[in-house]
Amino acid sequence: MGSAIAQSLQDSVLLYDSDGEKARSLEVQGKRTAVASLQELMKRSDCLLIAVKPQILATLYDQLREHGSAAKAWISIAAGVSLETLSEKLGTDEVVRFMPNIAAQMQASVTAIAASARTSKEHLSYAQQVAQSFGSAFILPESQFGAFIGISGSAIAYILQFYHALAMGGVAQGIAYPTALNIALETAKSAAYLALGTGKNPVELATTVCSAGGTTIEGMLALAEGGFDATVMQAVRKASEKSSKLEALAKDAKR
C-alpha cells in the first residue's frame, strides 16, 4: 500500500524502508528518492506517511519522538491504531488517519480520512490532496471507520465476488468464463457511471430497467428470494463489527 501511494504522489517524495532494496526499487530521478535511514528521513521531511503494520509501528515510537516528531505532520495507514494513540505516542496533534483500499495500486482507491478536532485545517487539506492523488477520498469521523470498512475496504471483495458469480452464471448459460467476466466487469462499470452521472437513487435507476413481465424483474425476484439485500447488509455489519473489535483489542493491548 505504501508503494502504491508513493508512486501516485506528484510531489517529490523521500522513501525509507528497513529493506533498502524495496525503497530503491521505487526511485525515480527527481521524484522519488530512497534515503539510507529513518533518521535521515525525519531530518529532511515535514510530513511523514506511516505505511507499516501496527505491531511494527509500536516499536518505532521512541525513534520517531527522538527525532522531533512534535514538529512534524503525520499521516498513518496503520490499521487499528487510533488518532488518540498516534497523538500520544508521536507527541503532536498534527496526525491524520487514512483507510485506503487495495485499488490504490491502480490509483483508484476509495480512502477514508479522519483527523482530530485539534488537527490543523492546513494539514487536513494537504492529507486530502494526498489521498485524492491515488483515488477518491471521504472525510469521516474516526468512529465511522468500521462502517467504512464494511462498505469499502472489505466490500471491494464482496463486489469482486459478485462479478465472479455473474460470470459463472454466464458460464452456466454457455458463455466462456473470460468473456462472461469481461462482460460483467464492463456492466458494473456502466452501472457506476450511470449512478454517478445521473445522481439518481440506485433503486430508481433499477426500476427503470424492469419492464412489466420482463427478463430483469425475473432476475430481481430471484435476488429477493435469495435474500440479496439482507445478505449484503449483514456482510457490511459483520465487517464493521469485526473492525471495531480489532480496534478495541489493539487499544487494550497498548494499556
Protein backbone atom coordinates (compact mmCIF):
# COMPACT_ATOMS: atom_id res chain seq x y z
CA MET A 1 0.00 0.00 0.00
CA GLY A 2 2.84 2.38 0.83
CA SER A 3 4.46 1.67 -2.52
CA ALA A 4 1.21 2.33 -4.37
CA ILE A 5 0.76 5.65 -2.59
CA ALA A 6 4.36 6.73 -3.17
CA GLN A 7 4.06 6.04 -6.89
CA SER A 8 0.89 8.12 -7.11
CA LEU A 9 2.20 11.30 -5.50
CA GLN A 10 3.04 14.20 -7.79
CA ASP A 11 5.41 15.97 -5.38
CA SER A 12 8.96 14.85 -4.71
CA VAL A 13 8.98 12.07 -2.14
CA LEU A 14 11.63 10.61 0.14
CA LEU A 15 11.36 6.88 0.83
CA TYR A 16 12.64 4.73 3.64
CA ASP A 17 12.19 1.00 4.20
CA SER A 18 14.10 -1.27 6.55
CA ASP A 19 14.65 -3.32 3.39
CA GLY A 20 16.65 -0.75 1.44
CA GLU A 21 16.18 -2.61 -1.84
CA LYS A 22 12.41 -2.11 -1.66
CA ALA A 23 12.83 1.64 -1.33
CA ARG A 24 15.44 1.80 -4.09
CA SER A 25 13.16 -0.13 -6.45
CA LEU A 26 10.70 2.77 -6.26
CA GLU A 27 13.22 5.50 -7.04
CA VAL A 28 12.54 7.84 -9.96
CA GLN A 29 15.11 10.57 -10.52
CA GLY A 30 13.81 13.95 -9.43
CA LYS A 31 10.61 12.50 -8.00
CA ARG A 32 11.21 9.59 -5.58
CA THR A 33 14.45 9.21 -3.65
CA ALA A 34 15.38 6.43 -1.23
CA VAL A 35 17.21 7.53 1.92
CA ALA A 36 19.58 5.42 3.98
CA SER A 37 17.99 5.75 7.41
CA LEU A 38 14.89 6.68 9.34
CA GLN A 39 16.88 9.48 10.93
CA GLU A 40 17.65 11.00 7.53
CA LEU A 41 14.01 10.71 6.51
CA MET A 42 12.91 12.52 9.66
CA LYS A 43 15.52 15.24 9.23
CA ARG A 44 14.58 16.02 5.63
CA SER A 45 10.76 15.69 5.82
CA ASP A 46 7.99 17.95 7.12
CA CYS A 47 5.17 15.44 6.63
CA LEU A 48 5.64 11.70 7.03
CA LEU A 49 3.32 8.92 5.89
CA ILE A 50 3.49 5.82 8.09
CA ALA A 51 2.92 2.70 6.00
CA VAL A 52 3.87 -0.10 8.39
CA LYS A 53 1.96 -2.81 10.20
CA PRO A 54 0.58 -1.80 13.62
CA GLN A 55 2.87 -4.17 15.52
CA ILE A 56 5.90 -2.66 13.77
CA LEU A 57 4.74 0.88 14.46
CA ALA A 58 4.68 0.16 18.19
CA THR A 59 8.45 -0.47 18.07
CA LEU A 60 9.18 2.81 16.27
CA TYR A 61 7.58 5.40 18.55
CA ASP A 62 10.72 6.04 20.60
CA GLN A 63 12.80 6.69 17.48
CA LEU A 64 10.14 8.92 15.96
CA ARG A 65 9.83 11.02 19.13
CA GLU A 66 13.60 11.22 19.48
CA HIS A 67 13.93 12.87 16.08
CA GLY A 68 11.47 15.68 16.61
CA SER A 69 8.11 14.14 15.84
CA ALA A 70 6.29 17.02 17.55
CA ALA A 71 7.49 19.35 14.80
CA LYS A 72 6.25 17.06 12.03
CA ALA A 73 2.89 16.37 10.44
CA TRP A 74 1.83 12.73 10.10
CA ILE A 75 -0.42 10.52 8.01
CA SER A 76 -0.93 6.93 9.16
CA ILE A 77 -2.39 3.96 7.31
CA ALA A 78 -1.65 1.59 10.21
CA ALA A 79 -4.90 -0.32 10.76
CA GLY A 80 -6.42 -0.20 14.21
CA VAL A 81 -4.11 2.50 15.61
CA SER A 82 -6.36 5.32 16.77
CA LEU A 83 -5.78 9.06 16.46
CA GLU A 84 -5.62 9.21 20.24
CA THR A 85 -2.80 6.66 20.34
CA LEU A 86 -0.92 8.28 17.47
CA SER A 87 -1.15 11.75 19.01
CA GLU A 88 0.01 10.45 22.39
CA LYS A 89 2.90 8.38 21.04
CA LEU A 90 4.09 10.95 18.49
CA GLY A 91 3.62 13.94 20.77
CA THR A 92 1.60 16.02 18.31
CA ASP A 93 -1.97 16.68 17.18
CA GLU A 94 -0.90 17.02 13.54
CA VAL A 95 -1.99 13.47 12.78
CA VAL A 96 -4.41 12.16 10.15
CA ARG A 97 -5.53 8.58 9.59
CA PHE A 98 -6.12 7.03 6.17
CA MET A 99 -8.16 3.92 5.46
CA PRO A 100 -7.44 3.15 1.78
CA ASN A 101 -8.43 0.08 -0.18
CA ILE A 102 -6.44 -2.26 -2.39
CA ALA A 103 -7.24 -0.33 -5.56
CA ALA A 104 -4.61 2.25 -4.54
CA GLN A 105 -2.25 0.27 -6.77
CA MET A 106 -4.44 1.34 -9.73
CA GLN A 107 -4.81 4.92 -8.44
CA ALA A 108 -8.47 4.10 -7.87
CA SER A 109 -8.62 3.68 -4.09
CA VAL A 110 -11.56 4.86 -2.04
CA THR A 111 -9.96 6.28 1.10
CA ALA A 112 -11.50 7.35 4.40
CA ILE A 113 -9.76 10.24 6.18
CA ALA A 114 -10.08 11.05 9.87
CA ALA A 115 -8.47 13.78 11.94
CA SER A 116 -8.93 15.01 15.47
CA ALA A 117 -10.56 18.36 16.19
CA ARG A 118 -7.10 19.66 17.10
CA THR A 119 -5.51 18.85 13.74
CA SER A 120 -4.86 21.99 11.71
CA LYS A 121 -7.01 22.71 8.66
CA GLU A 122 -3.82 23.04 6.63
CA HIS A 123 -2.65 19.51 7.42
CA LEU A 124 -6.11 18.01 6.88
CA SER A 125 -6.33 19.78 3.50
CA TYR A 126 -2.89 18.51 2.49
CA ALA A 127 -3.76 14.98 3.59
CA GLN A 128 -6.91 15.11 1.48
CA GLN A 129 -4.84 16.12 -1.55
CA VAL A 130 -2.53 13.16 -0.92
CA ALA A 131 -5.46 10.74 -0.70
CA GLN A 132 -7.02 12.12 -3.87
CA SER A 133 -3.77 11.53 -5.75
CA PHE A 134 -4.47 7.78 -5.67
CA GLY A 135 -8.28 7.78 -5.89
CA SER A 136 -11.25 9.38 -4.17
CA ALA A 137 -11.37 10.47 -0.55
CA PHE A 138 -14.06 10.94 2.10
CA ILE A 139 -13.52 12.80 5.37
CA LEU A 140 -15.31 10.87 8.12
CA PRO A 141 -15.36 10.80 11.93
CA GLU A 142 -12.96 8.15 13.17
CA SER A 143 -15.95 6.42 14.81
CA GLN A 144 -17.27 5.61 11.31
CA PHE A 145 -14.11 3.83 10.13
CA GLY A 146 -15.68 0.46 10.94
CA ALA A 147 -18.70 1.23 8.77
CA PHE A 148 -16.39 2.46 6.02
CA ILE A 149 -14.54 -0.85 6.07
CA GLY A 150 -17.89 -2.59 5.70
CA ILE A 151 -18.89 -0.62 2.58
CA SER A 152 -15.46 -0.07 1.00
CA GLY A 153 -12.31 -1.59 2.47
CA SER A 154 -13.83 -5.06 2.80
CA ALA A 155 -16.70 -4.53 0.37
CA ILE A 156 -14.37 -4.40 -2.60
CA ALA A 157 -14.00 -8.16 -2.04
CA TYR A 158 -17.79 -8.61 -1.95
CA ILE A 159 -18.09 -6.78 -5.27
CA LEU A 160 -15.34 -8.87 -6.82
CA GLN A 161 -17.14 -12.00 -5.64
CA PHE A 162 -20.34 -10.68 -7.23
CA TYR A 163 -18.50 -10.22 -10.54
CA HIS A 164 -17.34 -13.82 -10.32
CA ALA A 165 -20.86 -15.05 -9.55
CA LEU A 166 -22.27 -13.14 -12.53
CA ALA A 167 -19.58 -14.61 -14.76
CA MET A 168 -20.31 -18.12 -13.51
CA GLY A 169 -23.97 -17.52 -14.29
CA GLY A 170 -22.89 -16.68 -17.81
CA VAL A 171 -20.83 -19.88 -17.95
CA ALA A 172 -23.90 -21.87 -16.93
CA GLN A 173 -25.72 -20.30 -19.87
CA GLY A 174 -22.96 -21.13 -22.36
CA ILE A 175 -20.57 -18.14 -22.35
CA ALA A 176 -16.88 -18.88 -21.70
CA TYR A 177 -15.69 -17.59 -18.31
CA PRO A 178 -13.16 -14.98 -19.59
CA THR A 179 -15.78 -13.44 -21.88
CA ALA A 180 -18.51 -13.61 -19.23
CA LEU A 181 -16.22 -11.97 -16.67
CA ASN A 182 -15.31 -9.12 -19.03
CA ILE A 183 -18.99 -8.55 -19.76
CA ALA A 184 -19.77 -8.49 -16.01
CA LEU A 185 -16.92 -6.07 -15.30
CA GLU A 186 -17.93 -3.71 -18.11
CA THR A 187 -21.56 -3.86 -16.99
CA ALA A 188 -20.54 -2.98 -13.43
CA LYS A 189 -18.56 -0.03 -14.77
CA SER A 190 -21.54 1.16 -16.80
CA ALA A 191 -23.79 0.90 -13.71
CA ALA A 192 -21.34 3.00 -11.68
CA TYR A 193 -21.14 5.63 -14.43
CA LEU A 194 -24.94 5.71 -14.61
CA ALA A 195 -25.39 6.18 -10.87
CA LEU A 196 -22.61 8.75 -10.53
CA GLY A 197 -23.55 10.60 -13.71
CA THR A 198 -27.27 10.93 -13.03
CA GLY A 199 -27.10 11.33 -9.26
CA LYS A 200 -30.28 9.27 -9.04
CA ASN A 201 -31.03 6.72 -6.35
CA PRO A 202 -29.94 3.21 -7.47
CA VAL A 203 -33.44 1.88 -6.77
CA GLU A 204 -34.95 4.47 -9.11
CA LEU A 205 -32.49 3.51 -11.85
CA ALA A 206 -33.02 -0.23 -11.30
CA THR A 207 -36.80 0.09 -11.60
CA THR A 208 -36.43 1.80 -14.98
CA VAL A 209 -34.72 -1.36 -16.27
CA CYS A 210 -37.55 -3.57 -15.03
CA SER A 211 -40.27 -3.73 -17.67
CA ALA A 212 -43.53 -5.39 -16.70
CA GLY A 213 -43.29 -9.15 -17.06
CA GLY A 214 -39.78 -8.84 -18.49
CA THR A 215 -36.43 -10.53 -18.00
CA THR A 216 -34.97 -8.13 -15.44
CA ILE A 217 -37.83 -8.44 -12.96
CA GLU A 218 -37.40 -12.21 -13.07
CA GLY A 219 -33.75 -11.82 -12.06
CA MET A 220 -34.64 -9.25 -9.39
CA LEU A 221 -37.20 -11.68 -7.97
CA ALA A 222 -34.52 -14.37 -7.72
CA LEU A 223 -32.24 -11.96 -5.85
CA ALA A 224 -35.04 -11.05 -3.44
CA GLU A 225 -35.93 -14.68 -2.82
CA GLY A 226 -32.27 -15.37 -2.06
CA GLY A 227 -32.13 -12.56 0.49
CA PHE A 228 -29.70 -10.50 -1.58
CA ASP A 229 -30.23 -7.14 0.19
CA ALA A 230 -30.24 -8.67 3.66
CA THR A 231 -27.10 -10.70 2.93
CA VAL A 232 -25.19 -7.65 1.71
CA MET A 233 -26.30 -5.58 4.70
CA GLN A 234 -25.26 -8.44 7.01
CA ALA A 235 -21.83 -8.57 5.35
CA VAL A 236 -21.37 -4.83 5.96
CA ARG A 237 -22.44 -5.22 9.59
CA LYS A 238 -20.15 -8.18 10.22
CA ALA A 239 -17.10 -6.43 8.74
CA SER A 240 -17.86 -3.24 10.67
CA GLU A 241 -18.29 -5.10 13.96
CA LYS A 242 -15.08 -7.07 13.41
CA SER A 243 -13.18 -3.86 12.72
CA SER A 244 -14.47 -2.33 15.96
CA LYS A 245 -13.47 -5.43 17.92
CA LEU A 246 -9.95 -5.44 16.46
CA GLU A 247 -9.50 -1.75 17.21
CA ALA A 248 -10.69 -2.29 20.79
CA LEU A 249 -8.25 -5.16 21.20
CA ALA A 250 -5.42 -3.03 19.84
CA LYS A 251 -6.29 -0.25 22.27
CA ASP A 252 -6.42 -2.66 25.24
CA ALA A 253 -3.05 -4.12 24.26
CA LYS A 254 -1.44 -0.68 24.48
CA ARG A 255 -2.67 -0.01 28.02
